[in-house]
Amino acid sequence: MKNKVKKQSKKNNNNLDKEKLEAIIKLLSPRKRKYYKIDEEELSSQEVTFMVENNDELRYIISCLLRVSILALESDGNLCPPRLPFCSNESAVITILELIDNILPADQLSSYDEIEKLVISKASLSGNK
């Protein structure tokens, strides 16, 4: 009888540990992860999102990032904080430009081209009648 109780207790503890582990993993992984391989090395990246009210706000953010990049490249001084001695204006600008490239709404812009084609073709067809 004691062995049966011990086994049940151990099983309950394992379930509790599993639930705790799943909760911890969820807390540590709030973002979507994408996994890929480069030269047989398995890497992952996390998806980070930010909210914009509309395309004008997104364009404004991209414009500001580009202006900061231009100012950093034209600056004679170092714009990086002293706690990051390995940082340079060039590496900061590269990081900003990569960010800009990632937040450009490429799929959305492509769909606008397709919408424009449809609208223009329909408008020209109705104009020919």
Foldseek 3Di string as FASTA:
>chain_A
DVVVVVVVVVVVVVVVVVVVVVVVVCVVQVFDKDWDDDPNDIDIDTDDDDDDPDVVRVVVVLVVLVVVLVCLVPDPDAPDDPVCVVDGSVVVSVVSVVVSVVPPPVVVVVVVVVVVVVVVVVVVVVVVD
